[in-house]
Amino acid sequence: MRPLNFAILKHFTTVKEACADDVIAALQGEYGNFKGLKKPAVIEAIMTGEANGLLEETRYELDSKGELKVYYHANKEGAATINMYIK
């Protein structure tokens, strides 16, 4: 099993785009008991990936509860870098 932050980044290489809720849902089966699979920690991991140039914001919307959902994707170079370091 790879570290959770690696799994979060790797997830973005397998989807067109995702928000923190999407990532949590996708990783729930394998990482469901990890404290780091909470929304604030997942958002922090995503934003770290963005700050390092691996992820880019694609869009945002308000969900049914009025909470902001920000979507990201791994651009071509970011996906190549993620795939190079995380097999």
C-alpha atoms as a PDB file:
ATOM      1  CA  MET A   1       0.000   0.000   0.000  1.00  0.00           C
ATOM      2  CA  ARG A   2       1.396   3.395  -0.961  1.00  0.00           C
ATOM      3  CA  PRO A   3       1.279   6.421   1.357  1.00  0.00           C
ATOM      4  CA  LEU A   4      -2.058   8.252   1.311  1.00  0.00           C
ATOM      5  CA  ASN A   5      -0.659  11.463  -0.193  1.00  0.00           C
ATOM      6  CA  PHE A   6       0.865   9.412  -3.028  1.00  0.00           C
ATOM      7  CA  ALA A   7      -2.500   7.689  -3.586  1.00  0.00           C
ATOM      8  CA  ILE A   8      -4.244  11.067  -3.722  1.00  0.00           C
ATOM      9  CA  LEU A   9      -1.856  12.356  -6.396  1.00  0.00           C
ATOM     10  CA  LYS A  10      -1.960   9.084  -8.322  1.00  0.00           C
ATOM     11  CA  HIS A  11      -5.773   9.248  -8.384  1.00  0.00           C
ATOM     12  CA  PHE A  12      -5.572  12.401 -10.473  1.00  0.00           C
ATOM     13  CA  THR A  13      -3.707  10.493 -13.180  1.00  0.00           C
ATOM     14  CA  THR A  14      -6.661   8.128 -13.578  1.00  0.00           C
ATOM     15  CA  VAL A  15      -9.539  10.618 -13.863  1.00  0.00           C
ATOM     16  CA  LYS A  16     -10.359  13.639 -16.008  1.00  0.00           C
ATOM     17  CA  GLU A  17     -10.894  15.794 -12.900  1.00  0.00           C
ATOM     18  CA  ALA A  18     -11.858  15.388  -9.258  1.00  0.00           C
ATOM     19  CA  CYS A  19     -12.661  17.343  -6.113  1.00  0.00           C
ATOM     20  CA  ALA A  20     -11.777  16.390  -2.538  1.00  0.00           C
ATOM     21  CA  ASP A  21     -15.094  14.542  -2.091  1.00  0.00           C
ATOM     22  CA  ASP A  22     -14.414  12.492  -5.242  1.00  0.00           C
ATOM     23  CA  VAL A  23     -10.948  11.564  -3.985  1.00  0.00           C
ATOM     24  CA  ILE A  24     -12.299  10.526  -0.589  1.00  0.00           C
ATOM     25  CA  ALA A  25     -14.980   8.364  -2.211  1.00  0.00           C
ATOM     26  CA  ALA A  26     -12.464   6.728  -4.544  1.00  0.00           C
ATOM     27  CA  LEU A  27      -9.951   5.924  -1.794  1.00  0.00           C
ATOM     28  CA  GLN A  28     -12.454   5.018   0.939  1.00  0.00           C
ATOM     29  CA  GLY A  29     -12.164   1.274   0.359  1.00  0.00           C
ATOM     30  CA  GLU A  30      -8.405   1.084   0.806  1.00  0.00           C
ATOM     31  CA  TYR A  31      -7.745   4.065   3.110  1.00  0.00           C
ATOM     32  CA  GLY A  32     -11.060   4.444   4.939  1.00  0.00           C
ATOM     33  CA  ASN A  33      -9.553   4.005   8.385  1.00  0.00           C
ATOM     34  CA  PHE A  34      -6.770   6.590   7.845  1.00  0.00           C
ATOM     35  CA  LYS A  35      -7.126   9.843   9.802  1.00  0.00           C
ATOM     36  CA  GLY A  36      -5.687  11.643   6.774  1.00  0.00           C
ATOM     37  CA  LEU A  37      -8.679  10.705   4.611  1.00  0.00           C
ATOM     38  CA  LYS A  38     -10.703  13.557   6.062  1.00  0.00           C
ATOM     39  CA  LYS A  39     -11.713  16.459   3.846  1.00  0.00           C
ATOM     40  CA  PRO A  40      -9.351  19.112   5.327  1.00  0.00           C
ATOM     41  CA  ALA A  41      -6.332  16.813   4.978  1.00  0.00           C
ATOM     42  CA  VAL A  42      -7.281  15.779   1.437  1.00  0.00           C
ATOM     43  CA  ILE A  43      -7.740  19.435   0.426  1.00  0.00           C
ATOM     44  CA  GLU A  44      -4.309  20.195   1.896  1.00  0.00           C
ATOM     45  CA  ALA A  45      -2.735  17.352  -0.104  1.00  0.00           C
ATOM     46  CA  ILE A  46      -4.431  18.537  -3.298  1.00  0.00           C
ATOM     47  CA  MET A  47      -3.333  22.125  -2.730  1.00  0.00           C
ATOM     48  CA  THR A  48       0.233  20.947  -2.106  1.00  0.00           C
ATOM     49  CA  GLY A  49       0.096  19.142  -5.440  1.00  0.00           C
ATOM     50  CA  GLU A  50      -1.157  22.337  -7.050  1.00  0.00           C
ATOM     51  CA  ALA A  51       1.570  24.437  -5.406  1.00  0.00           C
ATOM     52  CA  ASN A  52       4.169  21.999  -6.746  1.00  0.00           C
ATOM     53  CA  GLY A  53       2.803  22.254 -10.288  1.00  0.00           C
ATOM     54  CA  LEU A  54       1.413  18.709 -10.425  1.00  0.00           C
ATOM     55  CA  LEU A  55      -2.288  19.652 -10.351  1.00  0.00           C
ATOM     56  CA  GLU A  56      -4.319  22.509 -11.804  1.00  0.00           C
ATOM     57  CA  GLU A  57      -7.704  23.884 -10.815  1.00  0.00           C
ATOM     58  CA  THR A  58     -10.265  23.211 -13.548  1.00  0.00           C
ATOM     59  CA  ARG A  59     -13.537  24.563 -12.163  1.00  0.00           C
ATOM     60  CA  TYR A  60     -15.579  25.135  -9.046  1.00  0.00           C
ATOM     61  CA  GLU A  61     -19.222  24.933  -8.003  1.00  0.00           C
ATOM     62  CA  LEU A  62     -21.473  25.032  -4.972  1.00  0.00           C
ATOM     63  CA  ASP A  63     -22.907  21.723  -3.830  1.00  0.00           C
ATOM     64  CA  SER A  64     -26.453  21.203  -2.533  1.00  0.00           C
ATOM     65  CA  LYS A  65     -25.324  22.270   0.969  1.00  0.00           C
ATOM     66  CA  GLY A  66     -23.821  25.508  -0.335  1.00  0.00           C
ATOM     67  CA  GLU A  67     -20.243  24.306   0.144  1.00  0.00           C
ATOM     68  CA  LEU A  68     -17.626  25.186  -2.436  1.00  0.00           C
ATOM     69  CA  LYS A  69     -16.286  22.220  -4.431  1.00  0.00           C
ATOM     70  CA  VAL A  70     -13.075  22.915  -6.323  1.00  0.00           C
ATOM     71  CA  TYR A  71     -12.105  20.493  -9.088  1.00  0.00           C
ATOM     72  CA  TYR A  72      -8.533  19.770 -10.166  1.00  0.00           C
ATOM     73  CA  HIS A  73      -6.787  17.691 -12.780  1.00  0.00           C
ATOM     74  CA  ALA A  74      -3.243  16.526 -13.417  1.00  0.00           C
ATOM     75  CA  ASN A  75      -1.996  18.354 -16.491  1.00  0.00           C
ATOM     76  CA  LYS A  76       0.151  16.466 -19.000  1.00  0.00           C
ATOM     77  CA  GLU A  77       3.456  17.383 -17.350  1.00  0.00           C
ATOM     78  CA  GLY A  78       2.089  16.872 -13.841  1.00  0.00           C
ATOM     79  CA  ALA A  79       0.716  13.437 -14.700  1.00  0.00           C
ATOM     80  CA  ALA A  80       4.050  12.462 -16.267  1.00  0.00           C
ATOM     81  CA  THR A  81       5.899  13.562 -13.131  1.00  0.00           C
ATOM     82  CA  ILE A  82       3.480  11.767 -10.812  1.00  0.00           C
ATOM     83  CA  ASN A  83       3.703   8.579 -12.884  1.00  0.00           C
ATOM     84  CA  MET A  84       7.498   8.791 -13.005  1.00  0.00           C
ATOM     85  CA  TYR A  85       7.844   8.899  -9.209  1.00  0.00           C
ATOM     86  CA  ILE A  86       4.785   6.930  -8.104  1.00  0.00           C
ATOM     87  CA  LYS A  87       4.486   3.574  -9.859  1.00  0.00           C
END
